N, C-alpha and C. Protein backbone atom coordinates (compact mmCIF):
# COMPACT_ATOMS: atom_id res chain seq x y z
N UNK A 1 -33.60 37.48 -102.46
CA UNK A 1 -33.65 36.22 -102.66
C UNK A 1 -32.12 35.69 -101.99
N UNK A 2 -31.55 36.68 -102.24
CA UNK A 2 -30.21 36.10 -101.34
C UNK A 2 -30.56 35.89 -99.66
N UNK A 3 -31.36 36.78 -99.57
CA UNK A 3 -31.67 36.50 -98.12
C UNK A 3 -32.59 35.21 -98.01
N UNK A 4 -33.32 34.81 -98.74
CA UNK A 4 -34.15 33.65 -98.65
C UNK A 4 -33.20 32.34 -98.73
N UNK A 5 -32.21 32.49 -99.51
CA UNK A 5 -31.14 31.02 -99.80
C UNK A 5 -30.36 30.91 -98.70
N UNK A 6 -29.99 31.86 -97.99
CA UNK A 6 -28.82 32.11 -96.99
C UNK A 6 -29.54 31.95 -95.48
N UNK A 7 -29.25 30.69 -94.87
CA UNK A 7 -29.94 30.24 -93.45
C UNK A 7 -29.07 31.35 -92.39
N UNK A 8 -28.16 32.20 -92.74
CA UNK A 8 -27.46 33.01 -91.66
C UNK A 8 -28.11 34.59 -91.68
N UNK A 9 -28.87 35.08 -92.61
CA UNK A 9 -29.44 35.92 -92.77
C UNK A 9 -30.96 36.03 -91.79
N UNK A 10 -31.39 36.35 -90.88
CA UNK A 10 -32.75 36.57 -90.45
C UNK A 10 -33.73 37.01 -91.42
N UNK A 11 -34.93 36.20 -91.15
CA UNK A 11 -35.99 36.31 -91.96
C UNK A 11 -36.99 36.81 -91.18
N UNK A 12 -38.40 37.52 -91.67
CA UNK A 12 -39.22 37.81 -90.83
C UNK A 12 -39.97 37.11 -89.74
N UNK A 13 -40.12 35.71 -90.28
CA UNK A 13 -40.52 34.71 -89.01
C UNK A 13 -39.64 34.58 -87.82
N UNK A 14 -38.43 34.65 -88.03
CA UNK A 14 -37.23 34.82 -87.18
C UNK A 14 -37.77 36.15 -86.30
N UNK A 15 -37.81 36.82 -86.68
CA UNK A 15 -37.75 38.22 -85.79
C UNK A 15 -39.10 38.34 -85.32
N UNK A 16 -40.21 37.79 -85.64
CA UNK A 16 -41.46 37.89 -85.04
C UNK A 16 -41.35 36.51 -83.86
N UNK A 17 -40.78 35.63 -84.10
CA UNK A 17 -40.57 34.52 -82.92
C UNK A 17 -39.72 35.56 -81.71
N UNK A 18 -38.89 36.14 -82.21
CA UNK A 18 -37.76 36.48 -81.48
C UNK A 18 -38.61 37.72 -80.63
N UNK A 19 -39.29 38.58 -80.92
CA UNK A 19 -40.16 39.75 -80.51
C UNK A 19 -41.18 38.80 -79.46
N UNK A 20 -41.78 38.07 -79.70
CA UNK A 20 -42.78 36.79 -79.20
C UNK A 20 -41.87 36.57 -77.96
N UNK A 21 -40.68 35.71 -78.14
CA UNK A 21 -40.00 35.19 -77.12
C UNK A 21 -39.69 36.48 -76.03
N UNK A 22 -38.98 37.35 -76.44
CA UNK A 22 -38.55 38.68 -75.78
C UNK A 22 -40.02 39.04 -74.78
N UNK A 23 -41.28 39.12 -75.44
CA UNK A 23 -42.38 39.58 -74.94
C UNK A 23 -42.85 38.71 -73.68
N UNK A 24 -42.70 37.26 -74.03
CA UNK A 24 -42.93 36.41 -73.15
C UNK A 24 -41.79 36.38 -72.02
N UNK A 25 -40.85 36.64 -72.22
CA UNK A 25 -39.74 36.89 -71.09
C UNK A 25 -39.61 37.89 -70.17
N UNK A 26 -40.43 39.21 -70.73
CA UNK A 26 -40.60 40.56 -70.31
C UNK A 26 -41.96 40.02 -69.31
N UNK A 27 -42.93 39.44 -69.94
CA UNK A 27 -44.25 39.22 -69.04
C UNK A 27 -43.64 38.42 -67.63
N UNK A 28 -42.78 37.08 -67.94
CA UNK A 28 -42.45 36.55 -67.00
C UNK A 28 -41.82 37.04 -66.24
N UNK A 29 -40.83 37.95 -66.31
CA UNK A 29 -40.11 38.80 -65.54
C UNK A 29 -40.77 39.55 -64.72
N UNK A 30 -41.94 40.48 -65.30
CA UNK A 30 -42.68 41.42 -64.61
C UNK A 30 -43.78 40.83 -63.45
N UNK A 31 -44.43 39.96 -64.25
CA UNK A 31 -45.56 39.35 -63.08
C UNK A 31 -45.48 37.96 -62.75
N UNK A 32 -44.50 37.01 -63.10
CA UNK A 32 -44.36 35.78 -62.70
C UNK A 32 -43.17 35.61 -61.60
N UNK A 33 -42.18 36.09 -62.15
CA UNK A 33 -40.77 35.99 -61.47
C UNK A 33 -40.73 36.53 -60.06
N UNK A 34 -41.21 37.91 -59.80
CA UNK A 34 -41.52 38.29 -58.46
C UNK A 34 -42.20 37.63 -57.61
N UNK A 35 -43.31 36.88 -57.59
CA UNK A 35 -43.95 36.35 -56.66
C UNK A 35 -42.85 34.96 -56.72
N UNK A 36 -42.44 34.27 -57.50
CA UNK A 36 -41.79 33.25 -57.27
C UNK A 36 -40.52 33.56 -56.44
N UNK A 37 -39.86 34.48 -56.87
CA UNK A 37 -38.47 34.88 -55.89
C UNK A 37 -38.96 35.03 -54.40
N UNK A 38 -40.28 35.89 -54.30
CA UNK A 38 -40.53 36.06 -52.88
C UNK A 38 -40.93 34.65 -52.15
N UNK A 39 -41.48 33.95 -52.64
CA UNK A 39 -42.02 32.40 -52.46
C UNK A 39 -40.39 31.81 -51.65
N UNK A 40 -39.51 32.17 -52.88
CA UNK A 40 -38.22 31.46 -52.45
C UNK A 40 -37.69 31.82 -51.37
N UNK A 41 -37.54 33.16 -51.19
CA UNK A 41 -36.85 33.93 -50.15
C UNK A 41 -37.61 33.69 -49.04
N UNK A 42 -39.04 33.43 -48.72
CA UNK A 42 -39.59 33.17 -47.55
C UNK A 42 -39.20 31.77 -47.40
N UNK A 43 -39.09 31.00 -48.01
CA UNK A 43 -39.10 29.50 -47.77
C UNK A 43 -37.32 29.52 -47.31
N UNK A 44 -36.75 30.38 -47.84
CA UNK A 44 -35.13 30.07 -47.52
C UNK A 44 -35.06 30.78 -45.99
N UNK A 45 -36.10 31.87 -45.53
CA UNK A 45 -35.98 32.38 -44.23
C UNK A 45 -36.24 31.49 -43.54
N UNK A 46 -37.61 30.75 -43.91
CA UNK A 46 -38.12 29.61 -42.93
C UNK A 46 -37.05 28.51 -42.61
N UNK A 47 -36.21 28.06 -43.77
CA UNK A 47 -35.36 27.01 -43.55
C UNK A 47 -34.24 27.51 -42.59
N UNK A 48 -33.88 28.87 -42.67
CA UNK A 48 -32.75 29.37 -41.85
C UNK A 48 -33.34 29.50 -40.41
N UNK A 49 -34.39 30.06 -40.10
CA UNK A 49 -35.00 30.05 -39.12
C UNK A 49 -35.00 28.53 -38.16
N UNK A 50 -35.49 27.77 -39.13
CA UNK A 50 -35.70 26.57 -38.56
C UNK A 50 -34.66 26.01 -37.83
N UNK A 51 -33.32 25.97 -38.86
CA UNK A 51 -31.81 25.55 -38.61
C UNK A 51 -31.44 26.30 -37.44
N UNK A 52 -31.82 27.82 -37.15
CA UNK A 52 -31.28 28.42 -36.05
C UNK A 52 -32.08 27.75 -34.60
N UNK A 53 -33.58 27.37 -34.86
CA UNK A 53 -34.23 26.82 -33.71
C UNK A 53 -33.58 25.48 -33.38
N UNK A 54 -33.16 24.67 -34.18
CA UNK A 54 -32.60 23.47 -34.21
C UNK A 54 -31.58 23.28 -33.48
N UNK A 55 -30.59 24.50 -33.73
CA UNK A 55 -29.15 24.68 -33.24
C UNK A 55 -29.42 24.85 -31.72
N UNK A 56 -30.30 25.90 -31.41
CA UNK A 56 -30.83 26.38 -29.71
C UNK A 56 -31.23 25.15 -29.17
N UNK A 57 -31.98 24.46 -29.99
CA UNK A 57 -32.62 23.30 -29.39
C UNK A 57 -31.93 22.30 -28.79
N UNK A 58 -30.24 22.22 -29.83
CA UNK A 58 -29.41 21.07 -29.52
C UNK A 58 -28.88 21.59 -28.14
N UNK A 59 -28.65 23.12 -28.29
CA UNK A 59 -27.74 23.65 -27.28
C UNK A 59 -28.65 23.40 -25.86
N UNK A 60 -29.97 23.55 -25.93
CA UNK A 60 -30.77 23.64 -24.77
C UNK A 60 -30.81 21.96 -24.19
N UNK A 61 -31.01 21.13 -24.95
CA UNK A 61 -30.62 19.50 -24.80
C UNK A 61 -29.41 19.18 -24.14
N UNK A 62 -28.31 19.65 -24.80
CA UNK A 62 -26.99 19.76 -24.10
C UNK A 62 -27.06 20.14 -22.68
N UNK A 63 -27.55 21.45 -22.52
CA UNK A 63 -27.38 21.96 -21.25
C UNK A 63 -28.38 21.11 -20.26
N UNK A 64 -29.53 20.85 -20.70
CA UNK A 64 -30.43 19.84 -19.68
C UNK A 64 -29.83 18.40 -19.56
N UNK A 65 -28.95 17.95 -20.52
CA UNK A 65 -28.45 16.50 -20.34
C UNK A 65 -27.28 16.98 -18.98
N UNK A 66 -26.54 18.02 -19.28
CA UNK A 66 -25.28 18.27 -18.31
C UNK A 66 -26.20 18.39 -16.89
N UNK A 67 -27.09 19.17 -16.93
CA UNK A 67 -27.82 19.28 -15.68
C UNK A 67 -28.23 18.15 -14.83
N UNK A 68 -28.69 17.35 -15.53
CA UNK A 68 -29.31 16.01 -15.54
C UNK A 68 -28.12 15.07 -14.78
N UNK A 69 -27.08 15.29 -15.77
CA UNK A 69 -25.91 14.36 -15.12
C UNK A 69 -25.53 14.68 -13.92
N UNK A 70 -25.24 16.25 -13.71
CA UNK A 70 -24.90 16.94 -12.73
C UNK A 70 -25.80 16.73 -11.22
N UNK A 71 -27.04 16.29 -11.62
CA UNK A 71 -28.07 16.07 -10.54
C UNK A 71 -28.13 15.01 -10.22
N UNK A 72 -27.80 13.83 -11.06
CA UNK A 72 -27.70 12.28 -11.02
C UNK A 72 -26.42 12.41 -9.97
N UNK A 73 -25.37 12.95 -10.31
CA UNK A 73 -23.91 12.68 -9.68
C UNK A 73 -24.24 13.09 -8.02
N UNK A 74 -25.00 14.46 -7.95
CA UNK A 74 -25.41 14.92 -6.88
C UNK A 74 -26.32 13.93 -5.74
N UNK A 75 -27.18 13.28 -6.41
CA UNK A 75 -27.83 12.23 -5.93
C UNK A 75 -27.23 11.29 -5.70
N UNK A 76 -26.07 10.68 -6.24
CA UNK A 76 -25.42 9.58 -5.98
C UNK A 76 -24.49 9.77 -4.69
N UNK A 77 -24.13 11.01 -4.68
CA UNK A 77 -23.03 11.45 -3.32
C UNK A 77 -23.85 11.83 -2.35
N UNK A 78 -25.13 12.16 -2.41
CA UNK A 78 -26.30 12.07 -1.25
C UNK A 78 -26.41 10.79 -0.86
N UNK A 79 -26.81 9.67 -1.60
CA UNK A 79 -27.00 8.45 -1.52
C UNK A 79 -25.85 7.87 -0.63
N UNK A 80 -24.50 8.09 -1.14
CA UNK A 80 -23.46 7.57 -0.50
C UNK A 80 -23.13 8.02 0.95
N UNK A 81 -23.83 9.50 1.21
CA UNK A 81 -23.67 10.06 2.45
C UNK A 81 -24.64 9.37 3.40
N UNK A 82 -25.82 9.31 2.81
CA UNK A 82 -26.82 8.57 3.53
C UNK A 82 -26.50 7.19 4.14
N UNK A 83 -25.96 6.43 3.14
CA UNK A 83 -25.69 4.90 3.63
C UNK A 83 -24.58 4.96 4.31
N UNK A 84 -23.59 6.00 4.20
CA UNK A 84 -22.49 6.02 5.19
C UNK A 84 -23.20 6.19 6.54
N UNK A 85 -24.06 7.01 6.94
CA UNK A 85 -24.45 7.79 7.72
C UNK A 85 -25.21 6.50 8.45
N UNK A 86 -26.15 5.94 7.58
CA UNK A 86 -26.96 4.66 8.20
C UNK A 86 -25.73 3.74 8.78
N UNK A 87 -24.82 3.37 8.25
CA UNK A 87 -23.90 2.18 8.71
C UNK A 87 -23.16 2.82 9.79
N UNK A 88 -23.01 4.32 9.80
CA UNK A 88 -22.51 4.69 11.12
C UNK A 88 -23.30 4.41 12.35
N UNK A 89 -24.64 4.94 12.12
CA UNK A 89 -25.70 4.81 13.01
C UNK A 89 -25.84 3.58 13.58
N UNK A 90 -26.02 2.35 12.33
CA UNK A 90 -26.21 0.94 12.71
C UNK A 90 -25.03 0.60 13.79
N UNK A 91 -23.84 1.13 13.31
CA UNK A 91 -22.67 0.67 14.33
C UNK A 91 -22.70 1.01 15.75
N UNK A 92 -23.10 2.37 15.73
CA UNK A 92 -23.43 2.97 16.94
C UNK A 92 -24.43 2.10 17.78
N UNK A 93 -25.59 1.87 17.05
CA UNK A 93 -26.66 1.21 17.95
C UNK A 93 -26.06 -0.15 18.20
N UNK A 94 -25.24 -0.87 17.37
CA UNK A 94 -24.92 -1.89 17.80
C UNK A 94 -23.83 -2.02 19.00
N UNK A 95 -23.08 -1.02 19.30
CA UNK A 95 -22.20 -0.88 20.02
C UNK A 95 -22.89 -0.78 21.30
N UNK A 96 -24.04 0.38 21.54
CA UNK A 96 -24.89 0.56 22.79
C UNK A 96 -25.63 -0.51 22.93
N UNK A 97 -26.06 -1.15 21.96
CA UNK A 97 -26.92 -2.74 22.42
C UNK A 97 -25.77 -3.67 22.92
N UNK A 98 -24.77 -3.77 22.78
CA UNK A 98 -23.71 -4.55 23.13
C UNK A 98 -23.48 -3.95 24.71
N UNK A 99 -23.33 -2.81 24.76
CA UNK A 99 -22.63 -2.11 25.91
C UNK A 99 -23.96 -2.44 27.06
N UNK A 100 -25.40 -2.08 26.79
CA UNK A 100 -26.45 -2.51 27.67
C UNK A 100 -26.59 -4.06 27.75
N UNK A 101 -26.16 -4.66 26.75
CA UNK A 101 -26.18 -6.25 26.90
C UNK A 101 -25.21 -6.77 28.15
N UNK A 102 -24.02 -6.14 28.02
CA UNK A 102 -22.75 -6.27 28.80
C UNK A 102 -23.23 -5.74 30.18
N UNK A 103 -23.82 -4.80 30.50
CA UNK A 103 -24.32 -4.35 31.88
C UNK A 103 -25.21 -4.96 32.38
N UNK A 104 -26.13 -5.59 31.56
CA UNK A 104 -27.14 -6.57 32.00
C UNK A 104 -26.64 -7.54 32.48
N UNK A 105 -25.86 -8.35 31.53
CA UNK A 105 -25.16 -9.35 31.96
C UNK A 105 -24.23 -9.23 33.25
N UNK A 106 -23.53 -8.19 33.59
CA UNK A 106 -22.91 -7.76 34.85
C UNK A 106 -23.81 -7.63 35.91
N UNK A 107 -25.12 -7.23 35.79
CA UNK A 107 -25.94 -6.90 36.63
C UNK A 107 -26.46 -8.25 37.36
N UNK A 108 -26.71 -9.16 36.21
CA UNK A 108 -27.34 -10.32 36.16
C UNK A 108 -26.27 -11.42 37.14
N UNK A 109 -25.33 -11.12 36.88
CA UNK A 109 -24.21 -12.00 37.32
C UNK A 109 -23.81 -11.53 39.00
N UNK A 110 -23.84 -9.99 39.05
CA UNK A 110 -23.80 -9.69 40.31
C UNK A 110 -25.12 -10.08 41.19
N UNK A 111 -26.20 -9.91 40.61
CA UNK A 111 -27.39 -10.38 41.48
C UNK A 111 -27.39 -12.05 41.76
N UNK A 112 -26.98 -12.85 40.87
CA UNK A 112 -26.84 -14.39 41.00
C UNK A 112 -25.85 -14.58 41.95
N UNK A 113 -24.67 -13.59 41.98
CA UNK A 113 -23.65 -13.85 42.91
C UNK A 113 -24.07 -13.78 44.34
N UNK A 114 -24.89 -12.62 44.47
CA UNK A 114 -25.03 -12.34 45.81
C UNK A 114 -26.41 -13.26 46.31
N UNK A 115 -26.97 -13.68 45.36
CA UNK A 115 -28.33 -14.86 45.74
C UNK A 115 -27.51 -16.21 46.14
N UNK A 116 -26.46 -16.53 45.38
CA UNK A 116 -25.69 -17.69 45.71
C UNK A 116 -24.99 -17.33 47.02
N UNK A 117 -24.55 -16.16 47.30
CA UNK A 117 -23.75 -16.15 48.70
C UNK A 117 -24.90 -16.30 49.67
N UNK A 118 -26.02 -15.57 49.63
CA UNK A 118 -27.13 -15.54 50.50
C UNK A 118 -27.65 -17.22 50.66
N UNK A 119 -27.54 -17.92 49.51
CA UNK A 119 -28.13 -19.38 49.73
C UNK A 119 -26.95 -20.12 50.65
N UNK A 120 -25.79 -19.82 50.24
CA UNK A 120 -24.84 -20.59 50.69
C UNK A 120 -24.63 -20.22 52.09
N UNK A 121 -24.71 -18.68 52.97
CA UNK A 121 -24.96 -18.56 54.43
C UNK A 121 -26.35 -19.31 54.89
N UNK A 122 -27.34 -19.26 54.04
CA UNK A 122 -28.73 -19.96 54.70
C UNK A 122 -28.21 -21.57 54.66
N UNK A 123 -27.42 -22.13 53.80
CA UNK A 123 -27.15 -23.45 53.84
C UNK A 123 -25.96 -23.74 55.12
N UNK A 124 -25.36 -23.02 55.14
CA UNK A 124 -24.45 -22.97 56.63
C UNK A 124 -25.09 -22.97 57.71
N UNK A 125 -26.01 -21.96 57.70
CA UNK A 125 -26.73 -21.72 58.78
C UNK A 125 -27.56 -22.91 59.02
N UNK A 126 -28.10 -23.48 57.96
CA UNK A 126 -29.08 -24.96 58.35
C UNK A 126 -28.13 -25.81 58.79
N UNK A 127 -26.68 -26.06 58.06
CA UNK A 127 -25.92 -26.94 58.35
C UNK A 127 -25.34 -26.87 59.74
N UNK A 128 -25.20 -25.71 60.28
CA UNK A 128 -24.84 -25.47 61.79
C UNK A 128 -25.66 -25.90 62.80
N UNK A 129 -27.08 -25.58 62.39
CA UNK A 129 -28.17 -26.05 63.23
C UNK A 129 -28.21 -27.45 63.17
N UNK A 130 -28.06 -28.37 61.87
CA UNK A 130 -28.13 -29.82 61.94
C UNK A 130 -26.87 -30.56 62.70
N UNK A 131 -26.06 -29.66 62.32
CA UNK A 131 -24.96 -30.20 63.17
C UNK A 131 -24.57 -30.11 64.67
N UNK A 132 -25.33 -29.06 65.27
CA UNK A 132 -25.63 -28.53 66.53
C UNK A 132 -26.31 -29.77 67.22
N UNK A 133 -27.52 -29.97 66.64
CA UNK A 133 -28.63 -31.33 66.98
C UNK A 133 -27.96 -32.32 66.77
N UNK A 134 -27.27 -33.02 65.86
CA UNK A 134 -26.59 -34.25 65.65
C UNK A 134 -25.73 -34.23 67.17
N UNK A 135 -24.76 -33.29 67.16
CA UNK A 135 -23.60 -33.03 68.16
C UNK A 135 -24.42 -33.47 69.57
N UNK A 136 -25.39 -32.80 69.75
CA UNK A 136 -26.12 -33.02 71.15
C UNK A 136 -26.72 -34.39 71.35
N UNK A 137 -27.23 -34.80 70.09
CA UNK A 137 -27.83 -36.21 70.28
C UNK A 137 -26.66 -37.37 70.65
N UNK A 138 -25.45 -37.04 70.15
CA UNK A 138 -24.28 -37.94 69.96
C UNK A 138 -23.78 -37.91 71.34
N UNK A 139 -23.48 -36.62 72.14
CA UNK A 139 -23.42 -36.58 73.13
C UNK A 139 -23.94 -36.82 74.36
N UNK A 140 -25.40 -37.03 74.28
CA UNK A 140 -26.12 -37.36 75.27
C UNK A 140 -26.21 -38.83 75.06
N UNK A 141 -26.08 -39.40 73.93
CA UNK A 141 -25.95 -40.92 73.92
C UNK A 141 -24.80 -41.33 74.46
N UNK A 142 -23.64 -40.82 74.33
CA UNK A 142 -22.33 -41.18 74.77
C UNK A 142 -22.31 -41.07 76.14
N UNK A 143 -22.73 -39.65 76.81
CA UNK A 143 -22.77 -39.45 78.14
C UNK A 143 -23.80 -40.17 78.95
N UNK A 144 -25.09 -40.15 78.11
CA UNK A 144 -26.23 -40.93 78.82
C UNK A 144 -26.77 -39.84 79.70
N UNK A 145 -26.71 -38.51 79.61
CA UNK A 145 -27.53 -37.44 80.44
C UNK A 145 -27.41 -36.27 79.66
N UNK A 146 -28.17 -35.32 79.90
CA UNK A 146 -28.37 -34.18 79.21
C UNK A 146 -27.38 -33.36 79.54
N UNK A 147 -27.19 -31.93 79.14
CA UNK A 147 -26.07 -31.33 78.90
C UNK A 147 -26.76 -29.81 79.49
N UNK A 148 -25.86 -28.82 79.93
CA UNK A 148 -26.49 -27.71 80.20
C UNK A 148 -26.57 -26.73 79.04
N UNK A 149 -27.20 -25.83 78.88
CA UNK A 149 -27.13 -24.71 77.81
C UNK A 149 -25.78 -24.41 77.59
N UNK A 150 -24.71 -24.00 78.40
CA UNK A 150 -23.74 -23.30 78.53
C UNK A 150 -22.78 -24.45 77.74
N UNK A 151 -22.88 -25.70 78.06
CA UNK A 151 -22.15 -26.91 77.67
C UNK A 151 -22.50 -27.07 76.30
N UNK A 152 -23.72 -26.97 75.79
CA UNK A 152 -24.25 -27.21 74.51
C UNK A 152 -23.85 -26.34 73.57
N UNK A 153 -23.37 -24.80 74.08
CA UNK A 153 -23.02 -23.76 72.99
C UNK A 153 -21.59 -24.22 72.93
N UNK A 154 -20.81 -24.46 73.99
CA UNK A 154 -19.56 -24.82 73.87
C UNK A 154 -19.61 -25.75 72.88
N UNK A 155 -19.89 -27.07 73.26
CA UNK A 155 -19.55 -28.36 72.15
C UNK A 155 -19.85 -27.73 70.66
N UNK A 156 -21.18 -27.35 70.23
CA UNK A 156 -21.58 -26.56 69.30
C UNK A 156 -20.53 -25.88 68.34
N UNK A 157 -20.12 -25.08 69.33
CA UNK A 157 -18.79 -23.76 68.91
C UNK A 157 -17.48 -24.73 68.09
N UNK A 158 -17.27 -25.69 69.09
CA UNK A 158 -16.09 -26.15 68.92
C UNK A 158 -16.31 -27.37 67.65
N UNK A 159 -17.58 -27.75 67.47
CA UNK A 159 -17.84 -28.92 66.39
C UNK A 159 -17.87 -27.87 65.14
N UNK A 160 -18.45 -26.84 65.04
CA UNK A 160 -18.50 -25.94 63.99
C UNK A 160 -17.30 -25.60 63.59
N UNK A 161 -16.46 -25.07 64.60
CA UNK A 161 -14.89 -24.68 64.30
C UNK A 161 -14.26 -25.98 63.65
N UNK A 162 -14.36 -27.08 64.04
CA UNK A 162 -13.67 -28.29 63.32
C UNK A 162 -14.09 -28.73 62.06
N UNK A 163 -15.57 -28.23 61.88
CA UNK A 163 -15.91 -28.53 60.52
C UNK A 163 -15.71 -27.41 59.57
N UNK A 164 -15.51 -26.44 60.07
CA UNK A 164 -15.11 -25.15 59.25
C UNK A 164 -13.61 -25.48 58.72
N UNK A 165 -12.75 -25.71 59.86
CA UNK A 165 -11.40 -25.79 59.70
C UNK A 165 -11.20 -27.28 58.25
N UNK A 166 -12.05 -28.04 58.68
CA UNK A 166 -11.84 -29.39 57.66
C UNK A 166 -12.34 -28.74 56.27
N UNK A 167 -13.44 -27.92 55.99
CA UNK A 167 -14.00 -27.49 54.90
C UNK A 167 -13.02 -26.66 54.16
N UNK A 168 -12.53 -25.68 55.23
CA UNK A 168 -11.05 -24.79 54.45
C UNK A 168 -10.07 -25.62 54.15
N UNK A 169 -9.75 -26.58 54.76
CA UNK A 169 -8.40 -27.87 54.37
C UNK A 169 -9.01 -28.50 52.83
N UNK A 170 -10.15 -28.87 53.01
CA UNK A 170 -10.54 -29.30 51.65
C UNK A 170 -10.62 -28.26 50.34
N UNK A 171 -11.30 -26.91 50.76
CA UNK A 171 -10.97 -26.05 49.71
C UNK A 171 -9.63 -25.96 49.54
N UNK A 172 -8.88 -25.71 50.12
CA UNK A 172 -7.32 -25.31 49.77
C UNK A 172 -6.72 -26.42 48.88
N UNK A 173 -7.19 -27.51 49.25
CA UNK A 173 -6.62 -28.82 48.36
C UNK A 173 -7.50 -28.62 46.87
N UNK A 174 -8.43 -28.55 47.05
CA UNK A 174 -9.31 -28.54 45.84
C UNK A 174 -8.34 -27.28 45.01
N UNK A 175 -7.98 -26.07 45.59
CA UNK A 175 -7.44 -24.66 44.59
C UNK A 175 -6.05 -25.31 44.38
N UNK A 176 -5.33 -26.16 45.39
CA UNK A 176 -3.94 -26.56 44.62
C UNK A 176 -4.10 -27.38 43.64
N UNK A 177 -5.22 -28.40 43.37
CA UNK A 177 -5.22 -29.18 42.46
C UNK A 177 -5.52 -28.68 41.21
N UNK A 178 -6.25 -27.46 41.50
CA UNK A 178 -6.76 -26.51 40.20
C UNK A 178 -5.58 -25.95 39.83
N UNK A 179 -4.66 -25.43 40.61
CA UNK A 179 -3.20 -24.74 40.15
C UNK A 179 -2.41 -25.46 39.29
N UNK A 180 -2.39 -27.01 40.09
CA UNK A 180 -1.27 -27.82 39.57
C UNK A 180 -1.81 -28.12 37.99
N UNK A 181 -3.17 -28.41 37.83
CA UNK A 181 -3.87 -28.79 36.68
C UNK A 181 -3.78 -27.66 35.45
N UNK A 182 -3.20 -26.50 35.84
CA UNK A 182 -3.21 -25.34 35.02
C UNK A 182 -2.00 -25.45 34.64
């Protein structure tokens, strides 16, 4: 009776409940806990592996980014080199075209100058012929008679010399005026 009235002394119900509890704990520890622990360990290994793969992927991405950055810099440097080369070739082509243009200009000026000289000679020859005819007509009117061929040549030569001297005098005056105007 003492045991029934004192709550600190265990009774048979308590002992049966304790044995049943320990039996359930033993069964759980033997049959339930090992598969749960294996599943937890497997899950933990999977997580560690995923973290390791993620770290490797980050490192690969960093290396790929560095490589892409390096490739972009190389492409930029190559583009700058190509642009500089194109500019250099353009300048060279421009200078060659300028030289060709200047050469063509000099050639055209020389040809025009030679054509002008030839035209001036033809005009001078025509002028001499006209002057000779005019002199002959004037002499025949003044003298009233014809001249011999030798007289005609002498008169024409003298008239041409006088005309050339007069033209040279006018050319010298124009040159002096041009010098004074400068």
